[in-house]
Amino acid sequence: MAELNTVARPYTKAAFEHALDKNTLDQWSEMLATTAAVSQDPVMQLVLGNPAQTSEQKAEAMIDVCQEQMTAETKISFLLAENQRLALLPEISAQFEQLKASQQKSVDINVTTAFDLGEQQQQKLTQALSTKLGCEVSLTSEVDKSIIGGVIVRTEDLVIDGSVRARLAKLAEALSA
């Protein structure tokens, strides 16, 4: 997994810098998400894994399927096939989204609660997290009654577990030690 991250990073960086220069971050984001999804399709994996096909043929297959999402610029820039790197598309897409969120100073946060949050509670939580993290927060919430109470906040690299279930587990651990 770490190897994929490392190999994908220069491609991601180049695509991101190009998209940033051309002010086409959203277009590139959509194109990368689409091509990443297409590259994971079992039929497309057979095409991309076929040793009888040239790199150009593999690239053309991807372009033909993803044509609606690709502009002339992204087609020309779609050189991953040349280096046998089409398998990196999902990782490149994920890294691109991280760079885009960082550039736009926004973060997607998933909040798990034991009970449904009202609109006002979601707004207060969004505002508090925006202040704490120093960026725009896009909040999604889900209900999991097994956490008993409290809240679990998740983002890419941060987990805050303030659930009653976690507190009870810590108490049980302390009592058994």
Protein backbone atom coordinates (compact mmCIF):
# COMPACT_ATOMS: atom_id res chain seq x y z
CA MET A 1 0.00 0.00 0.00
CA ALA A 2 2.78 2.43 0.86
CA GLU A 3 4.39 1.67 -2.49
CA LEU A 4 1.22 2.71 -4.36
CA ASN A 5 1.19 5.97 -2.41
CA THR A 6 4.79 6.65 -3.28
CA VAL A 7 4.47 5.81 -6.97
CA ALA A 8 1.20 7.74 -7.36
CA ARG A 9 2.45 10.90 -5.61
CA PRO A 10 4.40 12.45 -8.54
CA TYR A 11 1.51 11.83 -10.94
CA THR A 12 -0.93 13.35 -8.46
CA LYS A 13 1.31 16.34 -7.87
CA ALA A 14 1.74 16.97 -11.60
CA ALA A 15 -2.00 16.66 -12.28
CA PHE A 16 -2.86 18.89 -9.33
CA GLU A 17 -0.37 21.62 -10.27
CA HIS A 18 -1.58 21.54 -13.88
CA ALA A 19 -5.24 21.73 -12.81
CA LEU A 20 -4.45 24.51 -10.36
CA ASP A 21 -2.62 26.52 -13.03
CA LYS A 22 -5.49 26.11 -15.48
CA ASN A 23 -8.15 26.66 -12.78
CA THR A 24 -9.74 23.28 -13.58
CA LEU A 25 -9.58 21.54 -10.19
CA ASP A 26 -13.23 20.48 -10.28
CA GLN A 27 -12.94 19.11 -13.84
CA TRP A 28 -9.84 17.12 -12.95
CA SER A 29 -11.44 15.89 -9.75
CA GLU A 30 -14.46 14.55 -11.65
CA MET A 31 -12.31 13.06 -14.40
CA LEU A 32 -10.01 11.29 -11.93
CA ALA A 33 -12.92 9.97 -9.88
CA THR A 34 -14.59 8.61 -13.02
CA THR A 35 -11.46 7.04 -14.47
CA ALA A 36 -10.60 5.54 -11.07
CA ALA A 37 -14.04 3.94 -10.86
CA VAL A 38 -13.85 2.70 -14.45
CA SER A 39 -10.38 1.23 -13.89
CA GLN A 40 -11.79 -0.84 -11.00
CA ASP A 41 -14.55 -2.36 -13.14
CA PRO A 42 -13.91 -6.10 -13.64
CA VAL A 43 -14.38 -5.92 -17.41
CA MET A 44 -12.06 -2.92 -17.72
CA GLN A 45 -9.49 -4.67 -15.52
CA LEU A 46 -9.45 -7.50 -18.08
CA VAL A 47 -8.82 -5.00 -20.87
CA LEU A 48 -6.13 -3.14 -18.92
CA GLY A 49 -4.47 -6.37 -17.83
CA ASN A 50 -4.36 -7.83 -21.34
CA PRO A 51 -0.68 -8.10 -22.34
CA ALA A 52 -1.66 -8.28 -26.02
CA GLN A 53 -2.88 -4.67 -25.91
CA THR A 54 -0.46 -1.78 -26.31
CA SER A 55 -0.34 1.12 -23.89
CA GLU A 56 -2.02 3.30 -26.52
CA GLN A 57 -4.87 0.81 -26.91
CA LYS A 58 -5.39 0.69 -23.15
CA ALA A 59 -5.42 4.48 -22.96
CA GLU A 60 -7.89 4.66 -25.85
CA ALA A 61 -10.16 2.14 -24.12
CA MET A 62 -10.21 4.31 -20.98
CA ILE A 63 -10.78 7.48 -23.01
CA ASP A 64 -13.61 5.86 -24.98
CA VAL A 65 -15.42 4.78 -21.81
CA CYS A 66 -14.79 8.04 -19.91
CA GLN A 67 -15.22 10.37 -22.88
CA GLU A 68 -17.98 12.48 -21.31
CA GLN A 69 -15.79 13.36 -18.33
CA MET A 70 -12.67 14.10 -20.36
CA THR A 71 -11.82 17.30 -22.17
CA ALA A 72 -9.19 17.51 -24.90
CA GLU A 73 -6.74 18.76 -22.28
CA THR A 74 -7.30 15.84 -19.92
CA LYS A 75 -7.11 13.35 -22.81
CA ILE A 76 -3.75 14.73 -23.86
CA SER A 77 -2.57 14.71 -20.26
CA PHE A 78 -3.76 11.15 -19.76
CA LEU A 79 -0.32 9.58 -20.06
CA LEU A 80 -0.52 7.01 -17.30
CA ALA A 81 -0.93 4.20 -19.81
CA GLU A 82 2.38 5.05 -21.39
CA ASN A 83 4.17 4.09 -18.18
CA GLN A 84 1.89 1.15 -17.34
CA ARG A 85 0.38 3.12 -14.41
CA LEU A 86 -3.36 2.89 -15.02
CA ALA A 87 -3.71 0.78 -11.86
CA LEU A 88 -2.71 3.88 -9.88
CA LEU A 89 -5.86 5.81 -10.84
CA PRO A 90 -7.77 5.14 -7.59
CA GLU A 91 -4.79 6.22 -5.49
CA ILE A 92 -4.14 9.28 -7.65
CA SER A 93 -7.80 10.26 -7.38
CA ALA A 94 -7.74 9.92 -3.58
CA GLN A 95 -4.52 11.93 -3.27
CA PHE A 96 -5.87 14.57 -5.65
CA GLU A 97 -8.97 14.99 -3.49
CA GLN A 98 -6.79 15.46 -0.41
CA LEU A 99 -4.73 18.13 -2.15
CA LYS A 100 -7.87 19.82 -3.43
CA ALA A 101 -9.45 19.88 0.03
CA SER A 102 -6.25 21.27 1.50
CA GLN A 103 -6.08 23.94 -1.21
CA GLN A 104 -9.70 24.92 -0.69
CA LYS A 105 -9.32 24.69 3.08
CA SER A 106 -12.21 22.31 3.44
CA VAL A 107 -12.64 18.94 5.09
CA ASP A 108 -15.33 16.27 5.02
CA ILE A 109 -16.28 15.04 8.47
CA ASN A 110 -18.46 12.08 9.40
CA VAL A 111 -20.18 12.25 12.77
CA THR A 112 -21.68 9.17 14.40
CA THR A 113 -24.19 9.70 17.20
CA ALA A 114 -26.51 7.49 19.18
CA PHE A 115 -29.49 9.64 18.26
CA ASP A 116 -30.41 11.75 15.25
CA LEU A 117 -28.94 15.26 15.37
CA GLY A 118 -31.33 18.10 14.72
CA GLU A 119 -30.51 20.77 12.15
CA GLN A 120 -29.55 23.28 14.84
CA GLN A 121 -27.23 20.78 16.56
CA GLN A 122 -25.56 19.97 13.23
CA GLN A 123 -25.01 23.67 12.54
CA LYS A 124 -23.48 24.24 15.99
CA LEU A 125 -21.21 21.20 15.60
CA THR A 126 -20.18 22.29 12.10
CA GLN A 127 -19.37 25.78 13.36
CA ALA A 128 -17.39 24.45 16.35
CA LEU A 129 -15.40 22.05 14.16
CA SER A 130 -14.75 24.78 11.56
CA THR A 131 -13.33 26.98 14.30
CA LYS A 132 -11.28 24.16 15.83
CA LEU A 133 -9.84 22.93 12.51
CA GLY A 134 -9.50 26.34 10.87
CA CYS A 135 -11.25 25.35 7.64
CA GLU A 136 -14.65 24.87 6.07
CA VAL A 137 -16.37 21.71 7.29
CA SER A 138 -18.80 19.56 5.33
CA LEU A 139 -20.63 17.43 7.88
CA THR A 140 -22.41 14.15 7.34
CA SER A 141 -24.04 12.36 10.21
CA GLU A 142 -25.14 8.83 10.89
CA VAL A 143 -26.89 7.13 13.77
CA ASP A 144 -25.43 4.11 15.56
CA LYS A 145 -27.36 3.26 18.72
CA SER A 146 -24.61 0.88 19.83
CA ILE A 147 -22.41 3.81 20.91
CA ILE A 148 -25.05 4.45 23.63
CA GLY A 149 -24.38 8.22 23.78
CA GLY A 150 -21.86 10.86 22.90
CA VAL A 151 -20.32 11.34 19.49
CA ILE A 152 -17.59 9.93 17.23
CA VAL A 153 -16.02 12.41 14.80
CA ARG A 154 -14.07 11.03 11.84
CA THR A 155 -12.08 12.68 9.08
CA GLU A 156 -9.22 11.37 6.96
CA ASP A 157 -6.54 11.49 9.63
CA LEU A 158 -8.45 12.34 12.79
CA VAL A 159 -10.80 10.31 14.98
CA ILE A 160 -12.33 11.77 18.13
CA ASP A 161 -14.21 9.08 20.04
CA GLY A 162 -16.33 10.69 22.71
CA SER A 163 -18.86 7.87 22.82
CA VAL A 164 -20.20 6.33 26.00
CA ARG A 165 -19.26 2.90 24.60
CA ALA A 166 -15.58 3.96 24.35
CA ARG A 167 -15.63 5.42 27.86
CA LEU A 168 -17.14 2.20 29.25
CA ALA A 169 -14.47 0.16 27.45
CA LYS A 170 -11.73 2.32 29.01
CA LEU A 171 -13.32 1.92 32.44
CA ALA A 172 -13.57 -1.84 32.03
CA GLU A 173 -9.91 -1.96 30.97
CA ALA A 174 -8.87 0.10 33.98
CA LEU A 175 -10.83 -2.12 36.37
CA SER A 176 -9.40 -5.34 34.94
CA ALA A 177 -5.79 -4.12 35.07
